[in-house]
Amino acid sequence: MEEKQIGSVDHFFGNISVSMIKLTDVLKVGDKIHIKGSTSDFVQDVSSMQIDRVPAQEAKAGDLISIKVDQKVRKDDAVYKI
């Protein structure tokens, strides 16, 4: 499947395993994402997301979202939509 970069990791909260992602394109709950960096490389489904601590079903370019991630990520890791 083709992957398209839709953002990058802005911050990671290790104690709660939540990543802040700065988007450059649209992302919806239910989409599958691939997070790739120097030590990160995994695929997961977006089961929920928040914008400014408010649950959202869809986010657009320019939004800073938070999602629960399955593994540790690092600042500037690339986020792709599959």
PDB file of N, CA and C in Angstrom:
ATOM      1  N   MET A   1       0.836  -1.194   0.000  1.00  0.00           N
ATOM      2  CA  MET A   1       0.000   0.000   0.000  1.00  0.00           C
ATOM      3  C   MET A   1       0.876   1.252   0.000  1.00  0.00           C
ATOM      4  N   GLU A   2       0.348   2.294  -0.555  1.00  0.00           N
ATOM      5  CA  GLU A   2       1.086   3.540  -0.628  1.00  0.00           C
ATOM      6  C   GLU A   2       0.974   4.306   0.685  1.00  0.00           C
ATOM      7  N   GLU A   3       2.090   4.865   1.110  1.00  0.00           N
ATOM      8  CA  GLU A   3       2.110   5.668   2.334  1.00  0.00           C
ATOM      9  C   GLU A   3       2.320   7.121   1.972  1.00  0.00           C
ATOM     10  N   LYS A   4       1.662   8.007   2.735  1.00  0.00           N
ATOM     11  CA  LYS A   4       1.799   9.441   2.515  1.00  0.00           C
ATOM     12  C   LYS A   4       2.105  10.090   3.853  1.00  0.00           C
ATOM     13  N   GLN A   5       3.181  10.874   3.918  1.00  0.00           N
ATOM     14  CA  GLN A   5       3.510  11.524   5.187  1.00  0.00           C
ATOM     15  C   GLN A   5       2.444  12.569   5.505  1.00  0.00           C
ATOM     16  N   ILE A   6       1.922  12.486   6.740  1.00  0.00           N
ATOM     17  CA  ILE A   6       0.858  13.411   7.147  1.00  0.00           C
ATOM     18  C   ILE A   6       1.232  14.214   8.386  1.00  0.00           C
ATOM     19  N   GLY A   7       2.469  14.058   8.852  1.00  0.00           N
ATOM     20  CA  GLY A   7       2.879  14.827  10.010  1.00  0.00           C
ATOM     21  C   GLY A   7       4.132  14.278  10.650  1.00  0.00           C
ATOM     22  N   SER A   8       4.449  14.836  11.839  1.00  0.00           N
ATOM     23  CA  SER A   8       5.617  14.387  12.585  1.00  0.00           C
ATOM     24  C   SER A   8       5.341  14.497  14.078  1.00  0.00           C
ATOM     25  N   VAL A   9       6.071  13.696  14.833  1.00  0.00           N
ATOM     26  CA  VAL A   9       5.914  13.691  16.289  1.00  0.00           C
ATOM     27  C   VAL A   9       6.474  14.991  16.847  1.00  0.00           C
ATOM     28  N   ASP A  10       5.676  15.658  17.673  1.00  0.00           N
ATOM     29  CA  ASP A  10       6.085  16.913  18.304  1.00  0.00           C
ATOM     30  C   ASP A  10       6.551  16.674  19.738  1.00  0.00           C
ATOM     31  N   HIS A  11       5.926  15.717  20.426  1.00  0.00           N
ATOM     32  CA  HIS A  11       6.274  15.426  21.821  1.00  0.00           C
ATOM     33  C   HIS A  11       5.759  14.035  22.174  1.00  0.00           C
ATOM     34  N   PHE A  12       6.416  13.391  23.141  1.00  0.00           N
ATOM     35  CA  PHE A  12       5.980  12.074  23.599  1.00  0.00           C
ATOM     36  C   PHE A  12       5.942  12.056  25.119  1.00  0.00           C
ATOM     37  N   PHE A  13       4.803  11.629  25.664  1.00  0.00           N
ATOM     38  CA  PHE A  13       4.637  11.486  27.103  1.00  0.00           C
ATOM     39  C   PHE A  13       4.789  10.002  27.438  1.00  0.00           C
ATOM     40  N   GLY A  14       5.971   9.597  27.904  1.00  0.00           N
ATOM     41  CA  GLY A  14       6.279   8.196  28.135  1.00  0.00           C
ATOM     42  C   GLY A  14       5.451   7.561  29.228  1.00  0.00           C
ATOM     43  N   ASN A  15       5.129   8.328  30.275  1.00  0.00           N
ATOM     44  CA  ASN A  15       4.393   7.746  31.402  1.00  0.00           C
ATOM     45  C   ASN A  15       2.971   7.331  31.032  1.00  0.00           C
ATOM     46  N   ILE A  16       2.379   7.961  30.016  1.00  0.00           N
ATOM     47  CA  ILE A  16       1.022   7.598  29.589  1.00  0.00           C
ATOM     48  C   ILE A  16       0.993   7.082  28.147  1.00  0.00           C
ATOM     49  N   SER A  17       2.177   6.988  27.507  1.00  0.00           N
ATOM     50  CA  SER A  17       2.324   6.487  26.138  1.00  0.00           C
ATOM     51  C   SER A  17       1.427   7.243  25.144  1.00  0.00           C
ATOM     52  N   VAL A  18       1.512   8.575  25.200  1.00  0.00           N
ATOM     53  CA  VAL A  18       0.734   9.432  24.306  1.00  0.00           C
ATOM     54  C   VAL A  18       1.689  10.304  23.502  1.00  0.00           C
ATOM     55  N   SER A  19       1.418  10.407  22.219  1.00  0.00           N
ATOM     56  CA  SER A  19       2.234  11.211  21.313  1.00  0.00           C
ATOM     57  C   SER A  19       1.450  12.428  20.831  1.00  0.00           C
ATOM     58  N   MET A  20       2.112  13.576  20.818  1.00  0.00           N
ATOM     59  CA  MET A  20       1.566  14.778  20.197  1.00  0.00           C
ATOM     60  C   MET A  20       2.102  14.784  18.760  1.00  0.00           C
ATOM     61  N   ILE A  21       1.200  14.942  17.793  1.00  0.00           N
ATOM     62  CA  ILE A  21       1.585  14.904  16.388  1.00  0.00           C
ATOM     63  C   ILE A  21       1.109  16.182  15.701  1.00  0.00           C
ATOM     64  N   LYS A  22       2.036  16.852  15.023  1.00  0.00           N
ATOM     65  CA  LYS A  22       1.710  18.041  14.228  1.00  0.00           C
ATOM     66  C   LYS A  22       1.366  17.563  12.821  1.00  0.00           C
ATOM     67  N   LEU A  23       0.122  17.808  12.405  1.00  0.00           N
ATOM     68  CA  LEU A  23      -0.361  17.283  11.116  1.00  0.00           C
ATOM     69  C   LEU A  23      -0.088  18.233   9.959  1.00  0.00           C
ATOM     70  N   THR A  24       0.178  17.636   8.798  1.00  0.00           N
ATOM     71  CA  THR A  24       0.295  18.389   7.551  1.00  0.00           C
ATOM     72  C   THR A  24      -0.794  17.967   6.565  1.00  0.00           C
ATOM     73  N   ASP A  25      -1.678  17.051   7.008  1.00  0.00           N
ATOM     74  CA  ASP A  25      -2.773  16.554   6.177  1.00  0.00           C
ATOM     75  C   ASP A  25      -3.881  16.034   7.099  1.00  0.00           C
ATOM     76  N   VAL A  26      -4.967  15.573   6.523  1.00  0.00           N
ATOM     77  CA  VAL A  26      -6.126  15.110   7.292  1.00  0.00           C
ATOM     78  C   VAL A  26      -5.864  13.727   7.891  1.00  0.00           C
ATOM     79  N   LEU A  27      -6.345  13.516   9.121  1.00  0.00           N
ATOM     80  CA  LEU A  27      -6.289  12.212   9.773  1.00  0.00           C
ATOM     81  C   LEU A  27      -7.614  11.987  10.484  1.00  0.00           C
ATOM     82  N   LYS A  28      -8.151  10.757  10.353  1.00  0.00           N
ATOM     83  CA  LYS A  28      -9.436  10.428  10.978  1.00  0.00           C
ATOM     84  C   LYS A  28      -9.271   9.223  11.892  1.00  0.00           C
ATOM     85  N   VAL A  29     -10.142   9.117  12.885  1.00  0.00           N
ATOM     86  CA  VAL A  29     -10.197   7.928  13.720  1.00  0.00           C
ATOM     87  C   VAL A  29     -10.527   6.746  12.815  1.00  0.00           C
ATOM     88  N   GLY A  30      -9.811   5.639  12.974  1.00  0.00           N
ATOM     89  CA  GLY A  30      -9.998   4.471  12.121  1.00  0.00           C
ATOM     90  C   GLY A  30      -8.921   4.340  11.061  1.00  0.00           C
ATOM     91  N   ASP A  31      -8.188   5.437  10.776  1.00  0.00           N
ATOM     92  CA  ASP A  31      -7.086   5.366   9.813  1.00  0.00           C
ATOM     93  C   ASP A  31      -5.947   4.534  10.392  1.00  0.00           C
ATOM     94  N   LYS A  32      -5.144   3.981   9.509  1.00  0.00           N
ATOM     95  CA  LYS A  32      -3.958   3.222   9.913  1.00  0.00           C
ATOM     96  C   LYS A  32      -2.744   4.108   9.657  1.00  0.00           C
ATOM     97  N   ILE A  33      -1.860   4.217  10.672  1.00  0.00           N
ATOM     98  CA  ILE A  33      -0.674   5.052  10.532  1.00  0.00           C
ATOM     99  C   ILE A  33       0.590   4.221  10.715  1.00  0.00           C
ATOM    100  N   HIS A  34       1.671   4.722  10.145  1.00  0.00           N
ATOM    101  CA  HIS A  34       3.000   4.129  10.260  1.00  0.00           C
ATOM    102  C   HIS A  34       3.906   5.213  10.829  1.00  0.00           C
ATOM    103  N   ILE A  35       4.502   4.962  11.987  1.00  0.00           N
ATOM    104  CA  ILE A  35       5.417   5.918  12.606  1.00  0.00           C
ATOM    105  C   ILE A  35       6.828   5.383  12.410  1.00  0.00           C
ATOM    106  N   LYS A  36       7.689   6.213  11.811  1.00  0.00           N
ATOM    107  CA  LYS A  36       9.038   5.774  11.482  1.00  0.00           C
ATOM    108  C   LYS A  36      10.045   6.844  11.855  1.00  0.00           C
ATOM    109  N   GLY A  37      11.087   6.414  12.542  1.00  0.00           N
ATOM    110  CA  GLY A  37      12.177   7.310  12.916  1.00  0.00           C
ATOM    111  C   GLY A  37      13.466   6.527  13.009  1.00  0.00           C
ATOM    112  N   SER A  38      14.473   7.099  13.660  1.00  0.00           N
ATOM    113  CA  SER A  38      15.768   6.421  13.742  1.00  0.00           C
ATOM    114  C   SER A  38      15.684   5.130  14.547  1.00  0.00           C
ATOM    115  N   THR A  39      14.801   5.087  15.552  1.00  0.00           N
ATOM    116  CA  THR A  39      14.638   3.858  16.340  1.00  0.00           C
ATOM    117  C   THR A  39      13.193   3.380  16.389  1.00  0.00           C
ATOM    118  N   SER A  40      12.271   4.136  15.813  1.00  0.00           N
ATOM    119  CA  SER A  40      10.848   3.758  15.798  1.00  0.00           C
ATOM    120  C   SER A  40      10.468   3.263  14.414  1.00  0.00           C
ATOM    121  N   ASP A  41       9.642   2.214  14.371  1.00  0.00           N
ATOM    122  CA  ASP A  41       9.143   1.723  13.088  1.00  0.00           C
ATOM    123  C   ASP A  41       8.016   0.737  13.363  1.00  0.00           C
ATOM    124  N   PHE A  42       6.765   1.252  13.407  1.00  0.00           N
ATOM    125  CA  PHE A  42       5.623   0.384  13.673  1.00  0.00           C
ATOM    126  C   PHE A  42       4.364   0.960  13.047  1.00  0.00           C
ATOM    127  N   VAL A  43       3.375   0.068  12.890  1.00  0.00           N
ATOM    128  CA  VAL A  43       2.085   0.430  12.298  1.00  0.00           C
ATOM    129  C   VAL A  43       1.012   0.229  13.359  1.00  0.00           C
ATOM    130  N   GLN A  44       0.044   1.137  13.413  1.00  0.00           N
ATOM    131  CA  GLN A  44      -1.078   0.980  14.331  1.00  0.00           C
ATOM    132  C   GLN A  44      -2.298   1.697  13.788  1.00  0.00           C
ATOM    133  N   ASP A  45      -3.466   1.316  14.317  1.00  0.00           N
ATOM    134  CA  ASP A  45      -4.712   1.993  13.981  1.00  0.00           C
ATOM    135  C   ASP A  45      -4.913   3.161  14.932  1.00  0.00           C
ATOM    136  N   VAL A  46      -5.545   4.229  14.434  1.00  0.00           N
ATOM    137  CA  VAL A  46      -5.893   5.366  15.277  1.00  0.00           C
ATOM    138  C   VAL A  46      -7.257   5.058  15.882  1.00  0.00           C
ATOM    139  N   SER A  47      -7.270   4.689  17.161  1.00  0.00           N
ATOM    140  CA  SER A  47      -8.530   4.315  17.805  1.00  0.00           C
ATOM    141  C   SER A  47      -9.231   5.525  18.415  1.00  0.00           C
ATOM    142  N   SER A  48      -8.457   6.549  18.759  1.00  0.00           N
ATOM    143  CA  SER A  48      -9.040   7.793  19.267  1.00  0.00           C
ATOM    144  C   SER A  48      -7.991   8.888  19.155  1.00  0.00           C
ATOM    145  N   MET A  49      -8.448  10.124  19.163  1.00  0.00           N
ATOM    146  CA  MET A  49      -7.522  11.259  19.133  1.00  0.00           C
ATOM    147  C   MET A  49      -8.154  12.436  19.844  1.00  0.00           C
ATOM    148  N   GLN A  50      -7.309  13.363  20.249  1.00  0.00           N
ATOM    149  CA  GLN A  50      -7.782  14.573  20.903  1.00  0.00           C
ATOM    150  C   GLN A  50      -7.098  15.779  20.296  1.00  0.00           C
ATOM    151  N   ILE A  51      -7.838  16.886  20.270  1.00  0.00           N
ATOM    152  CA  ILE A  51      -7.291  18.181  19.883  1.00  0.00           C
ATOM    153  C   ILE A  51      -7.544  19.099  21.073  1.00  0.00           C
ATOM    154  N   ASP A  52      -6.490  19.642  21.651  1.00  0.00           N
ATOM    155  CA  ASP A  52      -6.612  20.483  22.859  1.00  0.00           C
ATOM    156  C   ASP A  52      -7.409  19.779  23.952  1.00  0.00           C
ATOM    157  N   ARG A  53      -7.119  18.501  24.182  1.00  0.00           N
ATOM    158  CA  ARG A  53      -7.737  17.674  25.219  1.00  0.00           C
ATOM    159  C   ARG A  53      -9.229  17.422  25.010  1.00  0.00           C
ATOM    160  N   VAL A  54      -9.718  17.670  23.796  1.00  0.00           N
ATOM    161  CA  VAL A  54     -11.118  17.418  23.461  1.00  0.00           C
ATOM    162  C   VAL A  54     -11.163  16.288  22.437  1.00  0.00           C
ATOM    163  N   PRO A  55     -11.921  15.217  22.699  1.00  0.00           N
ATOM    164  CA  PRO A  55     -11.995  14.122  21.728  1.00  0.00           C
ATOM    165  C   PRO A  55     -12.449  14.613  20.358  1.00  0.00           C
ATOM    166  N   ALA A  56     -11.832  14.068  19.303  1.00  0.00           N
ATOM    167  CA  ALA A  56     -12.167  14.459  17.934  1.00  0.00           C
ATOM    168  C   ALA A  56     -12.180  13.217  17.053  1.00  0.00           C
ATOM    169  N   GLN A  57     -12.997  13.246  16.005  1.00  0.00           N
ATOM    170  CA  GLN A  57     -13.067  12.154  15.040  1.00  0.00           C
ATOM    171  C   GLN A  57     -12.181  12.425  13.825  1.00  0.00           C
ATOM    172  N   GLU A  58     -11.863  13.687  13.597  1.00  0.00           N
ATOM    173  CA  GLU A  58     -11.088  14.080  12.423  1.00  0.00           C
ATOM    174  C   GLU A  58     -10.260  15.311  12.756  1.00  0.00           C
ATOM    175  N   ALA A  59      -9.049  15.366  12.194  1.00  0.00           N
ATOM    176  CA  ALA A  59      -8.180  16.530  12.362  1.00  0.00           C
ATOM    177  C   ALA A  59      -7.632  16.917  11.001  1.00  0.00           C
ATOM    178  N   LYS A  60      -7.266  18.179  10.853  1.00  0.00           N
ATOM    179  CA  LYS A  60      -6.810  18.679   9.560  1.00  0.00           C
ATOM    180  C   LYS A  60      -5.378  19.201   9.656  1.00  0.00           C
ATOM    181  N   ALA A  61      -4.822  19.560   8.527  1.00  0.00           N
ATOM    182  CA  ALA A  61      -3.466  20.096   8.474  1.00  0.00           C
ATOM    183  C   ALA A  61      -3.345  21.293   9.408  1.00  0.00           C
ATOM    184  N   GLY A  62      -2.257  21.336  10.153  1.00  0.00           N
ATOM    185  CA  GLY A  62      -2.019  22.433  11.088  1.00  0.00           C
ATOM    186  C   GLY A  62      -2.441  22.117  12.512  1.00  0.00           C
ATOM    187  N   ASP A  63      -3.269  21.082  12.689  1.00  0.00           N
ATOM    188  CA  ASP A  63      -3.716  20.698  14.037  1.00  0.00           C
ATOM    189  C   ASP A  63      -2.596  19.972  14.781  1.00  0.00           C
ATOM    190  N   LEU A  64      -2.569  20.160  16.084  1.00  0.00           N
ATOM    191  CA  LEU A  64      -1.672  19.420  16.967  1.00  0.00           C
ATOM    192  C   LEU A  64      -2.551  18.446  17.736  1.00  0.00           C
ATOM    193  N   ILE A  65      -2.425  17.158  17.408  1.00  0.00           N
ATOM    194  CA  ILE A  65      -3.297  16.148  18.006  1.00  0.00           C
ATOM    195  C   ILE A  65      -2.515  15.284  18.993  1.00  0.00           C
ATOM    196  N   SER A  66      -3.246  14.611  19.854  1.00  0.00           N
ATOM    197  CA  SER A  66      -2.625  13.629  20.741  1.00  0.00           C
ATOM    198  C   SER A  66      -3.318  12.291  20.524  1.00  0.00           C
ATOM    199  N   ILE A  67      -2.498  11.232  20.426  1.00  0.00           N
ATOM    200  CA  ILE A  67      -3.024   9.879  20.286  1.00  0.00           C
ATOM    201  C   ILE A  67      -2.210   8.938  21.167  1.00  0.00           C
ATOM    202  N   LYS A  68      -2.875   7.883  21.612  1.00  0.00           N
ATOM    203  CA  LYS A  68      -2.179   6.833  22.370  1.00  0.00           C
ATOM    204  C   LYS A  68      -1.408   5.994  21.368  1.00  0.00           C
ATOM    205  N   VAL A  69      -0.127   5.729  21.673  1.00  0.00           N
ATOM    206  CA  VAL A  69       0.706   4.948  20.756  1.00  0.00           C
ATOM    207  C   VAL A  69       1.129   3.635  21.410  1.00  0.00           C
ATOM    208  N   ASP A  70       1.371   2.634  20.557  1.00  0.00           N
ATOM    209  CA  ASP A  70       1.711   1.291  21.022  1.00  0.00           C
ATOM    210  C   ASP A  70       3.156   1.168  21.482  1.00  0.00           C
ATOM    211  N   GLN A  71       4.024   2.044  20.973  1.00  0.00           N
ATOM    212  CA  GLN A  71       5.451   1.972  21.295  1.00  0.00           C
ATOM    213  C   GLN A  71       5.994   3.377  21.534  1.00  0.00           C
ATOM    214  N   LYS A  72       7.216   3.429  22.059  1.00  0.00           N
ATOM    215  CA  LYS A  72       7.862   4.714  22.295  1.00  0.00           C
ATOM    216  C   LYS A  72       8.183   5.382  20.960  1.00  0.00           C
ATOM    217  N   VAL A  73       7.937   6.678  20.872  1.00  0.00           N
ATOM    218  CA  VAL A  73       8.284   7.461  19.690  1.00  0.00           C
ATOM    219  C   VAL A  73       9.165   8.628  20.132  1.00  0.00           C
ATOM    220  N   ARG A  74       9.780   9.285  19.172  1.00  0.00           N
ATOM    221  CA  ARG A  74      10.670  10.396  19.483  1.00  0.00           C
ATOM    222  C   ARG A  74      10.310  11.616  18.650  1.00  0.00           C
ATOM    223  N   LYS A  75      10.685  12.785  19.162  1.00  0.00           N
ATOM    224  CA  LYS A  75      10.419  14.034  18.452  1.00  0.00           C
ATOM    225  C   LYS A  75      10.964  13.937  17.025  1.00  0.00           C
ATOM    226  N   ASP A  76      10.187  14.421  16.097  1.00  0.00           N
ATOM    227  CA  ASP A  76      10.513  14.477  14.668  1.00  0.00           C
ATOM    228  C   ASP A  76      10.419  13.131  13.952  1.00  0.00           C
ATOM    229  N   ASP A  77       9.946  12.066  14.614  1.00  0.00           N
ATOM    230  CA  ASP A  77       9.639  10.826  13.888  1.00  0.00           C
ATOM    231  C   ASP A  77       8.556  11.144  12.864  1.00  0.00           C
ATOM    232  N   ALA A  78       8.652  10.582  11.677  1.00  0.00           N
ATOM    233  CA  ALA A  78       7.674  10.831  10.614  1.00  0.00           C
ATOM    234  C   ALA A  78       6.428   9.976  10.837  1.00  0.00           C
ATOM    235  N   VAL A  79       5.262  10.563  10.535  1.00  0.00           N
ATOM    236  CA  VAL A  79       3.981   9.856  10.657  1.00  0.00           C
ATOM    237  C   VAL A  79       3.373   9.772   9.258  1.00  0.00           C
ATOM    238  N   TYR A  80       3.086   8.532   8.832  1.00  0.00           N
ATOM    239  CA  TYR A  80       2.524   8.286   7.508  1.00  0.00           C
ATOM    240  C   TYR A  80       1.141   7.688   7.646  1.00  0.00           C
ATOM    241  N   LYS A  81       0.244   8.034   6.716  1.00  0.00           N
ATOM    242  CA  LYS A  81      -1.065   7.378   6.632  1.00  0.00           C
ATOM    243  C   LYS A  81      -0.957   6.297   5.569  1.00  0.00           C
ATOM    244  N   ILE A  82      -1.457   5.106   5.896  1.00  0.00           N
ATOM    245  CA  ILE A  82      -1.403   3.975   4.966  1.00  0.00           C
ATOM    246  C   ILE A  82      -2.730   3.865   4.222  1.00  0.00           C
TER     247      ILE A  82
END
